[in-house]
Amino acid sequence: MQAGELNRRITIQRNTSNGSSSDVWRTFATVWAKKKGASGRLFYQAAAAQSKNDVVFTIRYKRGINTEMRIIENGDTAHPYKITAEPIDPNNSRQWLEIHAQRTD
């Protein structure tokens, strides 16, 4: 992948509510990402679950991202993406990270 393909600015947030009744989201990282729709096997799994909002964000490798976090694209906090699976290092090279997410409307 070329660095120029990272053309979306996203914010990864973590919930810091500590058990209180209301969610308090804080910025974990703001990074450049490539966004693509689910394809291949992922597309068919999403179709089976009747989900058309599955996407994959590819970012430069970053430690600490997990399924308890969410992604905000273009500052749209009303429609965040939930991280649906543990991020994947596709080449085990600690260069790129693929984050599978789903829009929560």
N, C-alpha and C. Protein backbone atom coordinates (compact mmCIF):
# COMPACT_ATOMS: atom_id res chain seq x y z
N MET A 1 0.85 -1.17 0.00
CA MET A 1 0.00 0.00 0.00
C MET A 1 0.90 1.24 0.00
N GLN A 2 0.44 2.25 -0.69
CA GLN A 2 1.15 3.52 -0.73
C GLN A 2 0.58 4.45 0.34
N ALA A 3 1.43 5.23 0.95
CA ALA A 3 0.98 6.16 1.99
C ALA A 3 -0.07 7.13 1.45
N GLY A 4 -0.02 7.45 0.15
CA GLY A 4 -0.98 8.36 -0.46
C GLY A 4 -2.40 7.82 -0.47
N GLU A 5 -2.56 6.52 -0.28
CA GLU A 5 -3.90 5.93 -0.24
C GLU A 5 -4.61 6.22 1.09
N LEU A 6 -3.87 6.67 2.07
CA LEU A 6 -4.46 7.02 3.36
C LEU A 6 -5.07 8.41 3.23
N ASN A 7 -6.31 8.46 2.77
CA ASN A 7 -6.93 9.74 2.42
C ASN A 7 -8.13 10.12 3.28
N ARG A 8 -8.34 9.41 4.36
CA ARG A 8 -9.43 9.72 5.28
C ARG A 8 -8.86 9.99 6.67
N ARG A 9 -9.36 11.01 7.30
CA ARG A 9 -8.92 11.33 8.66
C ARG A 9 -9.94 10.73 9.61
N ILE A 10 -9.50 9.84 10.48
CA ILE A 10 -10.42 9.21 11.43
C ILE A 10 -9.90 9.42 12.85
N THR A 11 -10.83 9.38 13.78
CA THR A 11 -10.49 9.47 15.19
C THR A 11 -10.92 8.18 15.87
N ILE A 12 -10.00 7.57 16.55
CA ILE A 12 -10.28 6.35 17.31
C ILE A 12 -10.50 6.77 18.75
N GLN A 13 -11.63 6.38 19.30
CA GLN A 13 -11.98 6.79 20.66
C GLN A 13 -12.15 5.58 21.56
N ARG A 14 -11.89 5.79 22.84
CA ARG A 14 -12.15 4.74 23.84
C ARG A 14 -13.13 5.28 24.87
N ASN A 15 -13.92 4.38 25.44
CA ASN A 15 -14.92 4.73 26.43
C ASN A 15 -14.24 4.83 27.79
N THR A 16 -14.38 5.97 28.43
CA THR A 16 -13.75 6.17 29.74
C THR A 16 -14.78 6.41 30.83
N SER A 17 -15.97 5.84 30.66
CA SER A 17 -17.06 6.11 31.62
C SER A 17 -16.86 5.42 32.96
N ASN A 18 -16.00 4.39 33.03
CA ASN A 18 -15.71 3.69 34.29
C ASN A 18 -16.95 3.21 35.02
N GLY A 19 -17.88 2.62 34.27
CA GLY A 19 -19.05 2.02 34.89
C GLY A 19 -20.20 2.96 35.15
N SER A 20 -20.06 4.23 34.83
CA SER A 20 -21.18 5.15 35.04
C SER A 20 -22.24 4.91 33.97
N SER A 21 -23.41 5.48 34.17
CA SER A 21 -24.53 5.21 33.27
C SER A 21 -24.38 5.87 31.90
N SER A 22 -23.60 6.94 31.80
CA SER A 22 -23.44 7.59 30.50
C SER A 22 -22.05 7.34 29.93
N ASP A 23 -21.99 7.19 28.61
CA ASP A 23 -20.71 6.95 27.95
C ASP A 23 -19.92 8.24 27.84
N VAL A 24 -18.64 8.14 28.13
CA VAL A 24 -17.72 9.26 27.97
C VAL A 24 -16.61 8.79 27.04
N TRP A 25 -16.61 9.32 25.81
CA TRP A 25 -15.64 8.90 24.80
C TRP A 25 -14.50 9.90 24.74
N ARG A 26 -13.28 9.39 24.80
CA ARG A 26 -12.08 10.22 24.71
C ARG A 26 -11.24 9.78 23.51
N THR A 27 -10.56 10.71 22.91
CA THR A 27 -9.73 10.41 21.75
C THR A 27 -8.52 9.58 22.17
N PHE A 28 -8.35 8.44 21.50
CA PHE A 28 -7.18 7.59 21.67
C PHE A 28 -6.12 7.98 20.65
N ALA A 29 -6.55 8.19 19.39
CA ALA A 29 -5.64 8.58 18.33
C ALA A 29 -6.43 9.17 17.17
N THR A 30 -5.83 10.11 16.48
CA THR A 30 -6.37 10.62 15.22
C THR A 30 -5.34 10.30 14.16
N VAL A 31 -5.77 9.54 13.13
CA VAL A 31 -4.84 9.01 12.14
C VAL A 31 -5.42 9.12 10.74
N TRP A 32 -4.55 8.96 9.74
CA TRP A 32 -4.98 8.87 8.36
C TRP A 32 -5.27 7.41 8.05
N ALA A 33 -6.32 7.18 7.25
CA ALA A 33 -6.75 5.81 6.97
C ALA A 33 -7.21 5.66 5.52
N LYS A 34 -7.19 4.44 5.06
CA LYS A 34 -7.82 4.06 3.80
C LYS A 34 -9.10 3.33 4.18
N LYS A 35 -10.19 3.66 3.53
CA LYS A 35 -11.48 3.04 3.84
C LYS A 35 -11.95 2.26 2.62
N LYS A 36 -12.36 1.02 2.86
CA LYS A 36 -12.94 0.24 1.77
C LYS A 36 -14.07 -0.59 2.32
N GLY A 37 -15.03 -0.88 1.45
CA GLY A 37 -16.14 -1.74 1.84
C GLY A 37 -15.68 -3.17 1.98
N ALA A 38 -16.42 -3.94 2.73
CA ALA A 38 -16.09 -5.35 2.90
C ALA A 38 -16.18 -6.04 1.54
N SER A 39 -15.23 -6.91 1.25
CA SER A 39 -15.25 -7.61 -0.03
C SER A 39 -14.93 -9.08 0.20
N GLY A 40 -15.17 -9.88 -0.81
CA GLY A 40 -14.87 -11.29 -0.72
C GLY A 40 -15.63 -11.97 0.40
N ARG A 41 -14.92 -12.76 1.19
CA ARG A 41 -15.54 -13.50 2.28
C ARG A 41 -16.23 -12.57 3.27
N LEU A 42 -15.60 -11.43 3.56
CA LEU A 42 -16.20 -10.48 4.50
C LEU A 42 -17.53 -9.96 3.99
N PHE A 43 -17.61 -9.72 2.66
CA PHE A 43 -18.85 -9.23 2.08
C PHE A 43 -19.97 -10.25 2.28
N TYR A 44 -19.67 -11.51 2.05
CA TYR A 44 -20.70 -12.54 2.19
C TYR A 44 -21.09 -12.77 3.65
N GLN A 45 -20.13 -12.64 4.55
CA GLN A 45 -20.47 -12.74 5.97
C GLN A 45 -21.36 -11.58 6.38
N ALA A 46 -21.06 -10.39 5.87
CA ALA A 46 -21.89 -9.22 6.19
C ALA A 46 -23.28 -9.38 5.59
N ALA A 47 -23.36 -9.91 4.39
CA ALA A 47 -24.66 -10.11 3.75
C ALA A 47 -25.49 -11.12 4.53
N ALA A 48 -24.83 -12.15 5.05
CA ALA A 48 -25.54 -13.15 5.83
C ALA A 48 -26.11 -12.54 7.10
N ALA A 49 -25.41 -11.57 7.63
CA ALA A 49 -25.88 -10.87 8.83
C ALA A 49 -26.77 -9.68 8.46
N GLN A 50 -27.02 -9.51 7.17
CA GLN A 50 -27.82 -8.42 6.63
C GLN A 50 -27.28 -7.06 7.05
N SER A 51 -25.97 -6.93 6.98
CA SER A 51 -25.32 -5.67 7.32
C SER A 51 -24.66 -5.10 6.08
N LYS A 52 -25.04 -3.89 5.72
CA LYS A 52 -24.44 -3.23 4.57
C LYS A 52 -23.48 -2.13 5.00
N ASN A 53 -23.22 -2.04 6.28
CA ASN A 53 -22.40 -0.97 6.80
C ASN A 53 -21.02 -1.43 7.23
N ASP A 54 -20.59 -2.61 6.80
CA ASP A 54 -19.28 -3.12 7.18
C ASP A 54 -18.19 -2.49 6.31
N VAL A 55 -17.13 -2.01 6.95
CA VAL A 55 -16.00 -1.42 6.25
C VAL A 55 -14.71 -1.90 6.88
N VAL A 56 -13.62 -1.69 6.16
CA VAL A 56 -12.29 -1.98 6.68
C VAL A 56 -11.48 -0.69 6.56
N PHE A 57 -10.95 -0.24 7.68
CA PHE A 57 -10.05 0.91 7.70
C PHE A 57 -8.63 0.36 7.80
N THR A 58 -7.74 0.83 6.94
CA THR A 58 -6.34 0.46 7.02
C THR A 58 -5.56 1.69 7.47
N ILE A 59 -4.78 1.51 8.53
CA ILE A 59 -3.99 2.61 9.08
C ILE A 59 -2.55 2.14 9.26
N ARG A 60 -1.67 3.08 9.53
CA ARG A 60 -0.32 2.69 9.92
C ARG A 60 -0.41 1.96 11.26
N TYR A 61 0.48 1.02 11.48
CA TYR A 61 0.44 0.18 12.67
C TYR A 61 0.41 1.03 13.94
N LYS A 62 -0.49 0.68 14.82
CA LYS A 62 -0.61 1.37 16.12
C LYS A 62 -1.05 0.35 17.15
N ARG A 63 -0.37 0.29 18.25
CA ARG A 63 -0.71 -0.63 19.34
C ARG A 63 -1.88 -0.11 20.15
N GLY A 64 -2.61 -1.04 20.79
CA GLY A 64 -3.61 -0.66 21.78
C GLY A 64 -5.03 -0.54 21.28
N ILE A 65 -5.28 -0.73 20.00
CA ILE A 65 -6.64 -0.62 19.47
C ILE A 65 -7.36 -1.94 19.71
N ASN A 66 -8.61 -1.86 20.20
CA ASN A 66 -9.37 -3.08 20.48
C ASN A 66 -10.86 -2.89 20.19
N THR A 67 -11.63 -3.92 20.43
CA THR A 67 -13.06 -3.91 20.10
C THR A 67 -13.91 -3.08 21.06
N GLU A 68 -13.31 -2.56 22.10
CA GLU A 68 -14.04 -1.68 23.01
C GLU A 68 -14.05 -0.24 22.52
N MET A 69 -13.38 0.00 21.43
CA MET A 69 -13.23 1.36 20.90
C MET A 69 -14.20 1.59 19.75
N ARG A 70 -14.24 2.85 19.29
CA ARG A 70 -15.07 3.19 18.14
C ARG A 70 -14.29 4.15 17.25
N ILE A 71 -14.78 4.30 16.01
CA ILE A 71 -14.13 5.17 15.04
C ILE A 71 -15.10 6.26 14.62
N ILE A 72 -14.61 7.49 14.61
CA ILE A 72 -15.37 8.64 14.15
C ILE A 72 -14.74 9.10 12.84
N GLU A 73 -15.56 9.21 11.80
CA GLU A 73 -15.08 9.69 10.51
C GLU A 73 -15.68 11.06 10.23
N ASN A 74 -14.85 11.99 9.83
CA ASN A 74 -15.28 13.35 9.50
C ASN A 74 -16.01 14.05 10.65
N GLY A 75 -15.67 13.72 11.87
CA GLY A 75 -16.28 14.38 13.02
C GLY A 75 -17.73 14.01 13.28
N ASP A 76 -18.24 12.98 12.61
CA ASP A 76 -19.65 12.58 12.71
C ASP A 76 -19.87 11.68 13.93
N THR A 77 -20.02 12.28 15.11
CA THR A 77 -20.20 11.49 16.34
C THR A 77 -21.59 10.88 16.45
N ALA A 78 -22.53 11.32 15.62
CA ALA A 78 -23.88 10.75 15.63
C ALA A 78 -23.91 9.39 14.95
N HIS A 79 -22.92 9.08 14.10
CA HIS A 79 -22.88 7.82 13.37
C HIS A 79 -21.49 7.19 13.46
N PRO A 80 -21.09 6.75 14.65
CA PRO A 80 -19.76 6.17 14.79
C PRO A 80 -19.70 4.75 14.20
N TYR A 81 -18.49 4.28 14.02
CA TYR A 81 -18.26 2.89 13.60
C TYR A 81 -17.81 2.11 14.84
N LYS A 82 -18.42 0.96 15.05
CA LYS A 82 -18.01 0.06 16.13
C LYS A 82 -16.96 -0.89 15.57
N ILE A 83 -15.87 -1.05 16.28
CA ILE A 83 -14.84 -2.00 15.86
C ILE A 83 -15.35 -3.40 16.17
N THR A 84 -15.49 -4.23 15.13
CA THR A 84 -16.17 -5.52 15.27
C THR A 84 -15.25 -6.70 15.50
N ALA A 85 -13.96 -6.52 15.29
CA ALA A 85 -13.01 -7.62 15.50
C ALA A 85 -11.67 -7.03 15.89
N GLU A 86 -10.84 -7.84 16.51
CA GLU A 86 -9.50 -7.37 16.86
C GLU A 86 -8.77 -6.96 15.58
N PRO A 87 -8.08 -5.83 15.59
CA PRO A 87 -7.35 -5.38 14.41
C PRO A 87 -6.33 -6.42 13.93
N ILE A 88 -6.10 -6.43 12.63
CA ILE A 88 -5.22 -7.43 12.01
C ILE A 88 -3.99 -6.75 11.43
N ASP A 89 -2.83 -7.31 11.71
CA ASP A 89 -1.58 -6.91 11.06
C ASP A 89 -1.42 -7.85 9.87
N PRO A 90 -1.81 -7.44 8.66
CA PRO A 90 -1.93 -8.38 7.54
C PRO A 90 -0.64 -9.08 7.14
N ASN A 91 0.51 -8.45 7.32
CA ASN A 91 1.77 -9.07 6.91
C ASN A 91 2.68 -9.40 8.09
N ASN A 92 2.15 -9.24 9.31
CA ASN A 92 2.97 -9.42 10.51
C ASN A 92 4.24 -8.60 10.45
N SER A 93 4.13 -7.40 9.89
CA SER A 93 5.30 -6.55 9.72
C SER A 93 5.27 -5.30 10.59
N ARG A 94 4.19 -5.12 11.34
CA ARG A 94 3.99 -3.93 12.17
C ARG A 94 4.11 -2.65 11.33
N GLN A 95 3.60 -2.75 10.10
CA GLN A 95 3.59 -1.59 9.23
C GLN A 95 2.17 -1.06 9.04
N TRP A 96 1.22 -1.97 8.81
CA TRP A 96 -0.18 -1.62 8.57
C TRP A 96 -1.08 -2.35 9.54
N LEU A 97 -2.26 -1.81 9.75
CA LEU A 97 -3.25 -2.44 10.62
C LEU A 97 -4.61 -2.31 9.94
N GLU A 98 -5.31 -3.42 9.84
CA GLU A 98 -6.66 -3.42 9.27
C GLU A 98 -7.67 -3.49 10.41
N ILE A 99 -8.60 -2.54 10.39
CA ILE A 99 -9.62 -2.48 11.44
C ILE A 99 -10.98 -2.70 10.80
N HIS A 100 -11.63 -3.78 11.18
CA HIS A 100 -12.96 -4.10 10.67
C HIS A 100 -13.99 -3.41 11.57
N ALA A 101 -14.89 -2.68 10.93
CA ALA A 101 -15.84 -1.89 11.69
C ALA A 101 -17.20 -1.89 11.02
N GLN A 102 -18.19 -1.47 11.79
CA GLN A 102 -19.56 -1.43 11.30
C GLN A 102 -20.21 -0.13 11.79
N ARG A 103 -20.88 0.55 10.87
CA ARG A 103 -21.57 1.80 11.21
C ARG A 103 -22.73 1.49 12.15
N THR A 104 -22.85 2.24 13.21
CA THR A 104 -23.95 2.06 14.17
C THR A 104 -24.89 3.24 14.04
N ASP A 105 -25.95 3.02 13.31
CA ASP A 105 -26.94 4.10 13.09
C ASP A 105 -27.98 4.14 14.15
